[in-house]
Full PDB file with SEQRES, HELIX, SHEET, SSBOND, CRYST1, ORIGX, SCALE, CONECT and MASTER records, all heavy atoms in Angstrom:
SEQRES   1 A   38  THR ILE ALA VAL THR GLN THR SER VAL PHE LEU GLY MET          
SEQRES   2 A   38  LYS ALA ALA SER ALA ALA LEU HIS ALA SER ALA THR GLY          
SEQRES   3 A   38  ASN VAL VAL ASN ILE SER SER MET TYR GLY ILE VAL              
HELIX    1 AA1 ILE A    2  ILE A    2  1                                   1    
HELIX    2 AA2 ALA A    3  THR A    7  3                                   5    
HELIX    3 AA3 SER A    8  ALA A   22  1                                  15    
HELIX    4 AA4 MET A   34  GLY A   36  5                                   3    
CRYST1    1.000    1.000    1.000  90.00  90.00  90.00 P 1           1          
ORIGX1      1.000000  0.000000  0.000000        0.00000                         
ORIGX2      0.000000  1.000000  0.000000        0.00000                         
ORIGX3      0.000000  0.000000  1.000000        0.00000                         
SCALE1      1.000000  0.000000  0.000000        0.00000                         
SCALE2      0.000000  1.000000  0.000000        0.00000                         
SCALE3      0.000000  0.000000  1.000000        0.00000                         
ATOM      1  N   THR A   1     159.072 138.531 129.498  1.00  0.00           N  
ATOM      2  CA  THR A   1     158.434 137.439 128.758  1.00  0.00           C  
ATOM      3  C   THR A   1     157.581 136.575 129.677  1.00  0.00           C  
ATOM      4  O   THR A   1     156.448 136.204 129.332  1.00  0.00           O  
ATOM      5  CB  THR A   1     159.495 136.574 128.052  1.00  0.00           C  
ATOM      6  OG1 THR A   1     160.257 137.406 127.165  1.00  0.00           O  
ATOM      7  CG2 THR A   1     158.843 135.461 127.240  1.00  0.00           C  
ATOM      8  N   ILE A   2     158.107 136.243 130.847  1.00  0.00           N  
ATOM      9  CA  ILE A   2     157.349 135.438 131.813  1.00  0.00           C  
ATOM     10  C   ILE A   2     156.100 136.189 132.262  1.00  0.00           C  
ATOM     11  O   ILE A   2     155.003 135.610 132.362  1.00  0.00           O  
ATOM     12  CB  ILE A   2     158.224 135.069 133.029  1.00  0.00           C  
ATOM     13  CG1 ILE A   2     159.381 134.154 132.604  1.00  0.00           C  
ATOM     14  CG2 ILE A   2     157.379 134.417 134.125  1.00  0.00           C  
ATOM     15  CD1 ILE A   2     158.962 132.809 132.050  1.00  0.00           C  
ATOM     16  N   ALA A   3     156.224 137.481 132.503  1.00  0.00           N  
ATOM     17  CA  ALA A   3     155.074 138.268 132.982  1.00  0.00           C  
ATOM     18  C   ALA A   3     153.956 138.311 131.948  1.00  0.00           C  
ATOM     19  O   ALA A   3     152.787 138.083 132.272  1.00  0.00           O  
ATOM     20  CB  ALA A   3     155.535 139.681 133.330  1.00  0.00           C  
ATOM     21  N   VAL A   4     154.305 138.612 130.694  1.00  0.00           N  
ATOM     22  CA  VAL A   4     153.277 138.788 129.659  1.00  0.00           C  
ATOM     23  C   VAL A   4     152.699 137.455 129.198  1.00  0.00           C  
ATOM     24  O   VAL A   4     151.496 137.343 128.930  1.00  0.00           O  
ATOM     25  CB  VAL A   4     153.858 139.565 128.458  1.00  0.00           C  
ATOM     26  CG1 VAL A   4     152.820 139.673 127.340  1.00  0.00           C  
ATOM     27  CG2 VAL A   4     154.310 140.954 128.885  1.00  0.00           C  
ATOM     28  N   THR A   5     153.532 136.436 129.116  1.00  0.00           N  
ATOM     29  CA  THR A   5     153.116 135.179 128.500  1.00  0.00           C  
ATOM     30  C   THR A   5     152.643 134.135 129.506  1.00  0.00           C  
ATOM     31  O   THR A   5     151.815 133.288 129.181  1.00  0.00           O  
ATOM     32  CB  THR A   5     154.281 134.626 127.649  1.00  0.00           C  
ATOM     33  OG1 THR A   5     154.720 135.642 126.740  1.00  0.00           O  
ATOM     34  CG2 THR A   5     153.873 133.403 126.861  1.00  0.00           C  
ATOM     35  N   GLN A   6     153.155 134.193 130.725  1.00  0.00           N  
ATOM     36  CA  GLN A   6     152.801 133.188 131.739  1.00  0.00           C  
ATOM     37  C   GLN A   6     151.987 133.765 132.896  1.00  0.00           C  
ATOM     38  O   GLN A   6     150.871 133.303 133.173  1.00  0.00           O  
ATOM     39  CB  GLN A   6     154.073 132.554 132.303  1.00  0.00           C  
ATOM     40  CG  GLN A   6     153.849 131.622 133.490  1.00  0.00           C  
ATOM     41  CD  GLN A   6     155.148 131.124 134.083  1.00  0.00           C  
ATOM     42  OE1 GLN A   6     156.165 131.004 133.401  1.00  0.00           O  
ATOM     43  NE2 GLN A   6     155.149 130.828 135.372  1.00  0.00           N  
ATOM     44  N   THR A   7     152.524 134.775 133.569  1.00  0.00           N  
ATOM     45  CA  THR A   7     151.845 135.319 134.745  1.00  0.00           C  
ATOM     46  C   THR A   7     150.484 135.873 134.389  1.00  0.00           C  
ATOM     47  O   THR A   7     149.534 135.798 135.185  1.00  0.00           O  
ATOM     48  CB  THR A   7     152.710 136.409 135.409  1.00  0.00           C  
ATOM     49  OG1 THR A   7     154.006 135.871 135.676  1.00  0.00           O  
ATOM     50  CG2 THR A   7     152.079 136.895 136.703  1.00  0.00           C  
ATOM     51  N   SER A   8     150.341 136.395 133.175  1.00  0.00           N  
ATOM     52  CA  SER A   8     149.059 136.939 132.723  1.00  0.00           C  
ATOM     53  C   SER A   8     147.943 135.903 132.761  1.00  0.00           C  
ATOM     54  O   SER A   8     146.788 136.221 133.064  1.00  0.00           O  
ATOM     55  CB  SER A   8     149.195 137.471 131.293  1.00  0.00           C  
ATOM     56  OG  SER A   8     149.508 136.423 130.385  1.00  0.00           O  
ATOM     57  N   VAL A   9     148.294 134.654 132.482  1.00  0.00           N  
ATOM     58  CA  VAL A   9     147.292 133.579 132.480  1.00  0.00           C  
ATOM     59  C   VAL A   9     146.815 133.311 133.906  1.00  0.00           C  
ATOM     60  O   VAL A   9     145.617 133.144 134.162  1.00  0.00           O  
ATOM     61  CB  VAL A   9     147.878 132.307 131.836  1.00  0.00           C  
ATOM     62  CG1 VAL A   9     146.876 131.152 131.905  1.00  0.00           C  
ATOM     63  CG2 VAL A   9     148.273 132.591 130.391  1.00  0.00           C  
ATOM     64  N   PHE A  10     147.754 133.270 134.841  1.00  0.00           N  
ATOM     65  CA  PHE A  10     147.410 133.121 136.253  1.00  0.00           C  
ATOM     66  C   PHE A  10     146.512 134.273 136.717  1.00  0.00           C  
ATOM     67  O   PHE A  10     145.467 134.057 137.350  1.00  0.00           O  
ATOM     68  CB  PHE A  10     148.689 133.077 137.091  1.00  0.00           C  
ATOM     69  CG  PHE A  10     148.520 133.478 138.522  1.00  0.00           C  
ATOM     70  CD1 PHE A  10     147.864 132.652 139.424  1.00  0.00           C  
ATOM     71  CD2 PHE A  10     149.009 134.696 138.983  1.00  0.00           C  
ATOM     72  CE1 PHE A  10     147.699 133.029 140.754  1.00  0.00           C  
ATOM     73  CE2 PHE A  10     148.857 135.086 140.300  1.00  0.00           C  
ATOM     74  CZ  PHE A  10     148.195 134.251 141.191  1.00  0.00           C  
ATOM     75  N   LEU A  11     146.903 135.503 136.397  1.00  0.00           N  
ATOM     76  CA  LEU A  11     146.126 136.667 136.824  1.00  0.00           C  
ATOM     77  C   LEU A  11     144.734 136.663 136.209  1.00  0.00           C  
ATOM     78  O   LEU A  11     143.750 137.000 136.877  1.00  0.00           O  
ATOM     79  CB  LEU A  11     146.863 137.955 136.452  1.00  0.00           C  
ATOM     80  CG  LEU A  11     148.166 138.242 137.200  1.00  0.00           C  
ATOM     81  CD1 LEU A  11     148.843 139.486 136.630  1.00  0.00           C  
ATOM     82  CD2 LEU A  11     147.914 138.410 138.694  1.00  0.00           C  
ATOM     83  N   GLY A  12     144.643 136.276 134.950  1.00  0.00           N  
ATOM     84  CA  GLY A  12     143.345 136.254 134.279  1.00  0.00           C  
ATOM     85  C   GLY A  12     142.392 135.252 134.898  1.00  0.00           C  
ATOM     86  O   GLY A  12     141.225 135.554 135.173  1.00  0.00           O  
ATOM     87  N   MET A  13     142.876 134.040 135.147  1.00  0.00           N  
ATOM     88  CA  MET A  13     142.005 133.023 135.745  1.00  0.00           C  
ATOM     89  C   MET A  13     141.611 133.393 137.163  1.00  0.00           C  
ATOM     90  O   MET A  13     140.481 133.158 137.595  1.00  0.00           O  
ATOM     91  CB  MET A  13     142.681 131.653 135.690  1.00  0.00           C  
ATOM     92  CG  MET A  13     142.771 131.094 134.285  1.00  0.00           C  
ATOM     93  SD  MET A  13     143.155 129.318 134.231  1.00  0.00           S  
ATOM     94  CE  MET A  13     144.829 129.327 134.895  1.00  0.00           C  
ATOM     95  N   LYS A  14     142.547 133.977 137.906  1.00  0.00           N  
ATOM     96  CA  LYS A  14     142.244 134.393 139.276  1.00  0.00           C  
ATOM     97  C   LYS A  14     141.172 135.486 139.286  1.00  0.00           C  
ATOM     98  O   LYS A  14     140.186 135.407 140.035  1.00  0.00           O  
ATOM     99  CB  LYS A  14     143.504 134.879 139.963  1.00  0.00           C  
ATOM    100  CG  LYS A  14     143.287 135.290 141.424  1.00  0.00           C  
ATOM    101  CD  LYS A  14     144.586 135.743 142.072  1.00  0.00           C  
ATOM    102  CE  LYS A  14     144.343 136.172 143.526  1.00  0.00           C  
ATOM    103  NZ  LYS A  14     145.591 136.674 144.171  1.00  0.00           N  
ATOM    104  N   ALA A  15     141.355 136.500 138.432  1.00  0.00           N  
ATOM    105  CA  ALA A  15     140.408 137.614 138.392  1.00  0.00           C  
ATOM    106  C   ALA A  15     139.025 137.184 137.924  1.00  0.00           C  
ATOM    107  O   ALA A  15     138.008 137.681 138.411  1.00  0.00           O  
ATOM    108  CB  ALA A  15     140.949 138.717 137.483  1.00  0.00           C  
ATOM    109  N   ALA A  16     138.983 136.231 136.993  1.00  0.00           N  
ATOM    110  CA  ALA A  16     137.717 135.821 136.396  1.00  0.00           C  
ATOM    111  C   ALA A  16     137.036 134.681 137.141  1.00  0.00           C  
ATOM    112  O   ALA A  16     135.895 134.325 136.826  1.00  0.00           O  
ATOM    113  CB  ALA A  16     137.942 135.398 134.944  1.00  0.00           C  
ATOM    114  N   SER A  17     137.697 134.120 138.140  1.00  0.00           N  
ATOM    115  CA  SER A  17     137.198 132.905 138.789  1.00  0.00           C  
ATOM    116  C   SER A  17     135.756 133.012 139.266  1.00  0.00           C  
ATOM    117  O   SER A  17     134.920 132.164 138.946  1.00  0.00           O  
ATOM    118  CB  SER A  17     138.105 132.546 139.967  1.00  0.00           C  
ATOM    119  OG  SER A  17     137.582 131.450 140.689  1.00  0.00           O  
ATOM    120  N   ALA A  18     135.441 134.033 140.034  1.00  0.00           N  
ATOM    121  CA  ALA A  18     134.094 134.138 140.599  1.00  0.00           C  
ATOM    122  C   ALA A  18     133.043 134.254 139.507  1.00  0.00           C  
ATOM    123  O   ALA A  18     131.982 133.606 139.559  1.00  0.00           O  
ATOM    124  CB  ALA A  18     134.012 135.330 141.545  1.00  0.00           C  
ATOM    125  N   ALA A  19     133.309 135.072 138.501  1.00  0.00           N  
ATOM    126  CA  ALA A  19     132.349 135.261 137.416  1.00  0.00           C  
ATOM    127  C   ALA A  19     132.179 133.990 136.604  1.00  0.00           C  
ATOM    128  O   ALA A  19     131.058 133.628 136.213  1.00  0.00           O  
ATOM    129  CB  ALA A  19     132.791 136.415 136.513  1.00  0.00           C  
ATOM    130  N   LEU A  20     133.259 133.280 136.344  1.00  0.00           N  
ATOM    131  CA  LEU A  20     133.174 132.038 135.586  1.00  0.00           C  
ATOM    132  C   LEU A  20     132.402 130.973 136.360  1.00  0.00           C  
ATOM    133  O   LEU A  20     131.620 130.206 135.782  1.00  0.00           O  
ATOM    134  CB  LEU A  20     134.581 131.527 135.249  1.00  0.00           C  
ATOM    135  CG  LEU A  20     135.373 132.353 134.237  1.00  0.00           C  
ATOM    136  CD1 LEU A  20     136.821 131.865 134.177  1.00  0.00           C  
ATOM    137  CD2 LEU A  20     134.731 132.292 132.852  1.00  0.00           C  
ATOM    138  N   HIS A  21     132.608 130.921 137.666  1.00  0.00           N  
ATOM    139  CA  HIS A  21     131.870 129.957 138.487  1.00  0.00           C  
ATOM    140  C   HIS A  21     130.384 130.305 138.580  1.00  0.00           C  
ATOM    141  O   HIS A  21     129.549 129.415 138.795  1.00  0.00           O  
ATOM    142  CB  HIS A  21     132.487 129.864 139.890  1.00  0.00           C  
ATOM    143  CG  HIS A  21     133.692 128.986 139.948  1.00  0.00           C  
ATOM    144  ND1 HIS A  21     134.939 129.411 139.536  1.00  0.00           N  
ATOM    145  CD2 HIS A  21     133.851 127.703 140.361  1.00  0.00           C  
ATOM    146  CE1 HIS A  21     135.808 128.423 139.703  1.00  0.00           C  
ATOM    147  NE2 HIS A  21     135.174 127.385 140.197  1.00  0.00           N  
ATOM    148  N   ALA A  22     130.057 131.566 138.420  1.00  0.00           N  
ATOM    149  CA  ALA A  22     128.652 131.972 138.447  1.00  0.00           C  
ATOM    150  C   ALA A  22     127.933 131.611 137.158  1.00  0.00           C  
ATOM    151  O   ALA A  22     126.695 131.575 137.108  1.00  0.00           O  
ATOM    152  CB  ALA A  22     128.545 133.476 138.687  1.00  0.00           C  
ATOM    153  N   SER A  23     128.705 131.333 136.104  1.00  0.00           N  
ATOM    154  CA  SER A  23     128.132 130.931 134.824  1.00  0.00           C  
ATOM    155  C   SER A  23     127.821 129.437 134.848  1.00  0.00           C  
ATOM    156  O   SER A  23     128.555 128.648 135.433  1.00  0.00           O  
ATOM    157  CB  SER A  23     129.120 131.227 133.688  1.00  0.00           C  
ATOM    158  OG  SER A  23     128.708 130.610 132.484  1.00  0.00           O  
ATOM    159  N   ALA A  24     126.762 129.059 134.173  1.00  0.00           N  
ATOM    160  CA  ALA A  24     126.422 127.637 134.094  1.00  0.00           C  
ATOM    161  C   ALA A  24     127.364 126.892 133.159  1.00  0.00           C  
ATOM    162  O   ALA A  24     127.459 125.662 133.205  1.00  0.00           O  
ATOM    163  CB  ALA A  24     124.984 127.470 133.618  1.00  0.00           C  
ATOM    164  N   THR A  25     128.065 127.635 132.309  1.00  0.00           N  
ATOM    165  CA  THR A  25     128.947 127.001 131.324  1.00  0.00           C  
ATOM    166  C   THR A  25     130.310 127.692 131.271  1.00  0.00           C  
ATOM    167  O   THR A  25     130.899 127.848 130.203  1.00  0.00           O  
ATOM    168  CB  THR A  25     128.306 127.027 129.924  1.00  0.00           C  
ATOM    169  OG1 THR A  25     127.999 128.392 129.574  1.00  0.00           O  
ATOM    170  CG2 THR A  25     127.037 126.199 129.887  1.00  0.00           C  
ATOM    171  N   GLY A  26     130.819 128.105 132.427  1.00  0.00           N  
ATOM    172  CA  GLY A  26     132.086 128.817 132.454  1.00  0.00           C  
ATOM    173  C   GLY A  26     133.229 127.969 131.943  1.00  0.00           C  
ATOM    174  O   GLY A  26     133.349 126.791 132.276  1.00  0.00           O  
ATOM    175  N   ASN A  27     134.066 128.563 131.097  1.00  0.00           N  
ATOM    176  CA  ASN A  27     135.240 127.834 130.651  1.00  0.00           C  
ATOM    177  C   ASN A  27     136.350 128.768 130.198  1.00  0.00           C  
ATOM    178  O   ASN A  27     136.119 129.932 129.876  1.00  0.00           O  
ATOM    179  CB  ASN A  27     134.888 126.798 129.572  1.00  0.00           C  
ATOM    180  CG  ASN A  27     134.639 127.399 128.223  1.00  0.00           C  
ATOM    181  OD1 ASN A  27     135.563 127.577 127.450  1.00  0.00           O  
ATOM    182  ND2 ASN A  27     133.381 127.712 127.926  1.00  0.00           N  
ATOM    183  N   VAL A  28     137.562 128.223 130.213  1.00  0.00           N  
ATOM    184  CA  VAL A  28     138.773 128.968 129.895  1.00  0.00           C  
ATOM    185  C   VAL A  28     139.534 128.228 128.809  1.00  0.00           C  
ATOM    186  O   VAL A  28     139.646 127.000 128.838  1.00  0.00           O  
ATOM    187  CB  VAL A  28     139.683 129.090 131.140  1.00  0.00           C  
ATOM    188  CG1 VAL A  28     140.964 129.862 130.796  1.00  0.00           C  
ATOM    189  CG2 VAL A  28     138.946 129.737 132.300  1.00  0.00           C  
ATOM    190  N   VAL A  29     140.048 128.991 127.852  1.00  0.00           N  
ATOM    191  CA  VAL A  29     140.975 128.434 126.864  1.00  0.00           C  
ATOM    192  C   VAL A  29     142.266 129.234 126.958  1.00  0.00           C  
ATOM    193  O   VAL A  29     142.272 130.450 126.738  1.00  0.00           O  
ATOM    194  CB  VAL A  29     140.408 128.503 125.430  1.00  0.00           C  
ATOM    195  CG1 VAL A  29     141.399 127.868 124.457  1.00  0.00           C  
ATOM    196  CG2 VAL A  29     139.054 127.803 125.339  1.00  0.00           C  
ATOM    197  N   ASN A  30     143.348 128.554 127.324  1.00  0.00           N  
ATOM    198  CA  ASN A  30     144.654 129.187 127.439  1.00  0.00           C  
ATOM    199  C   ASN A  30     145.495 128.859 126.211  1.00  0.00           C  
ATOM    200  O   ASN A  30     145.589 127.690 125.810  1.00  0.00           O  
ATOM    201  CB  ASN A  30     145.378 128.694 128.697  1.00  0.00           C  
ATOM    202  CG  ASN A  30     144.682 129.138 129.965  1.00  0.00           C  
ATOM    203  OD1 ASN A  30     144.126 130.225 130.028  1.00  0.00           O  
ATOM    204  ND2 ASN A  30     144.726 128.303 130.996  1.00  0.00           N  
ATOM    205  N   ILE A  31     146.112 129.886 125.629  1.00  0.00           N  
ATOM    206  CA  ILE A  31     146.908 129.659 124.438  1.00  0.00           C  
ATOM    207  C   ILE A  31     148.369 129.454 124.832  1.00  0.00           C  
ATOM    208  O   ILE A  31     149.044 130.380 125.281  1.00  0.00           O  
ATOM    209  CB  ILE A  31     146.782 130.825 123.440  1.00  0.00           C  
ATOM    210  CG1 ILE A  31     145.301 131.143 123.192  1.00  0.00           C  
ATOM    211  CG2 ILE A  31     147.497 130.470 122.140  1.00  0.00           C  
ATOM    212  CD1 ILE A  31     144.440 129.952 122.788  1.00  0.00           C  
ATOM    213  N   SER A  32     148.821 128.225 124.679  1.00  0.00           N  
ATOM    214  CA  SER A  32     150.219 127.874 124.914  1.00  0.00           C  
ATOM    215  C   SER A  32     150.914 127.857 123.556  1.00  0.00           C  
ATOM    216  O   SER A  32     150.792 128.799 122.774  1.00  0.00           O  
ATOM    217  CB  SER A  32     150.306 126.531 125.640  1.00  0.00           C  
ATOM    218  OG  SER A  32     151.648 126.144 125.855  1.00  0.00           O  
ATOM    219  N   SER A  33     151.636 126.814 123.256  1.00  0.00           N  
ATOM    220  CA  SER A  33     152.393 126.693 122.013  1.00  0.00           C  
ATOM    221  C   SER A  33     152.823 125.248 121.873  1.00  0.00           C  
ATOM    222  O   SER A  33     152.895 124.515 122.863  1.00  0.00           O  
ATOM    223  CB  SER A  33     153.625 127.602 122.061  1.00  0.00           C  
ATOM    224  OG  SER A  33     154.543 127.289 121.029  1.00  0.00           O  
ATOM    225  N   MET A  34     153.137 124.844 120.644  1.00  0.00           N  
ATOM    226  CA  MET A  34     153.739 123.513 120.505  1.00  0.00           C  
ATOM    227  C   MET A  34     155.049 123.468 121.284  1.00  0.00           C  
ATOM    228  O   MET A  34     155.481 122.415 121.762  1.00  0.00           O  
ATOM    229  CB  MET A  34     153.983 123.176 119.040  1.00  0.00           C  
ATOM    230  CG  MET A  34     154.983 124.054 118.324  1.00  0.00           C  
ATOM    231  SD  MET A  34     155.089 123.598 116.573  1.00  0.00           S  
ATOM    232  CE  MET A  34     156.393 124.702 116.022  1.00  0.00           C  
ATOM    233  N   TYR A  35     155.681 124.644 121.477  1.00  0.00           N  
ATOM    234  CA  TYR A  35     156.896 124.724 122.274  1.00  0.00           C  
ATOM    235  C   TYR A  35     156.609 124.722 123.766  1.00  0.00           C  
ATOM    236  O   TYR A  35     157.525 124.861 124.580  1.00  0.00           O  
ATOM    237  CB  TYR A  35     157.707 125.951 121.881  1.00  0.00           C  
ATOM    238  CG  TYR A  35     158.455 125.787 120.563  1.00  0.00           C  
ATOM    239  CD1 TYR A  35     158.750 126.889 119.774  1.00  0.00           C  
ATOM    240  CD2 TYR A  35     158.874 124.536 120.126  1.00  0.00           C  
ATOM    241  CE1 TYR A  35     159.447 126.743 118.579  1.00  0.00           C  
ATOM    242  CE2 TYR A  35     159.556 124.380 118.935  1.00  0.00           C  
ATOM    243  CZ  TYR A  35     159.846 125.493 118.169  1.00  0.00           C  
ATOM    244  OH  TYR A  35     160.541 125.349 116.982  1.00  0.00           O  
ATOM    245  N   GLY A  36     155.361 124.550 124.128  1.00  0.00           N  
ATOM    246  CA  GLY A  36     155.009 124.271 125.511  1.00  0.00           C  
ATOM    247  C   GLY A  36     155.010 122.779 125.779  1.00  0.00           C  
ATOM    248  O   GLY A  36     154.788 122.338 126.913  1.00  0.00           O  
ATOM    249  N   ILE A  37     155.265 121.992 124.719  1.00  0.00           N  
ATOM    250  CA  ILE A  37     155.251 120.531 124.819  1.00  0.00           C  
ATOM    251  C   ILE A  37     156.601 119.932 124.428  1.00  0.00           C  
ATOM    252  O   ILE A  37     157.089 118.995 125.065  1.00  0.00           O  
ATOM    253  CB  ILE A  37     154.140 119.938 123.910  1.00  0.00           C  
ATOM    254  CG1 ILE A  37     152.766 120.459 124.353  1.00  0.00           C  
ATOM    255  CG2 ILE A  37     154.169 118.418 123.921  1.00  0.00           C  
ATOM    256  CD1 ILE A  37     151.636 120.037 123.449  1.00  0.00           C  
ATOM    257  N   VAL A  38     157.198 120.475 123.360  1.00  0.00           N  
ATOM    258  CA  VAL A  38     158.480 119.956 122.874  1.00  0.00           C  
ATOM    259  C   VAL A  38     159.510 121.078 122.839  1.00  0.00           C  
ATOM    260  O   VAL A  38     159.169 122.262 122.815  1.00  0.00           O  
ATOM    261  CB  VAL A  38     158.343 119.343 121.464  1.00  0.00           C  
ATOM    262  CG1 VAL A  38     157.380 118.166 121.472  1.00  0.00           C  
ATOM    263  CG2 VAL A  38     157.911 120.404 120.447  1.00  0.00           C  
TER     264      VAL A  38                                                      
MASTER        0    0    0    4    0    0    0    6  263    1    0    3          
END                                                                             
């Protein structure tokens, strides 16, 4: 569960970092949950 739901987000941002920074409007939307807050 941690690998698919959490570590994947870290890996995705790391892998995409250079390409996103090369974009003039690079951005990321991460899908958490209301259970990420309460």
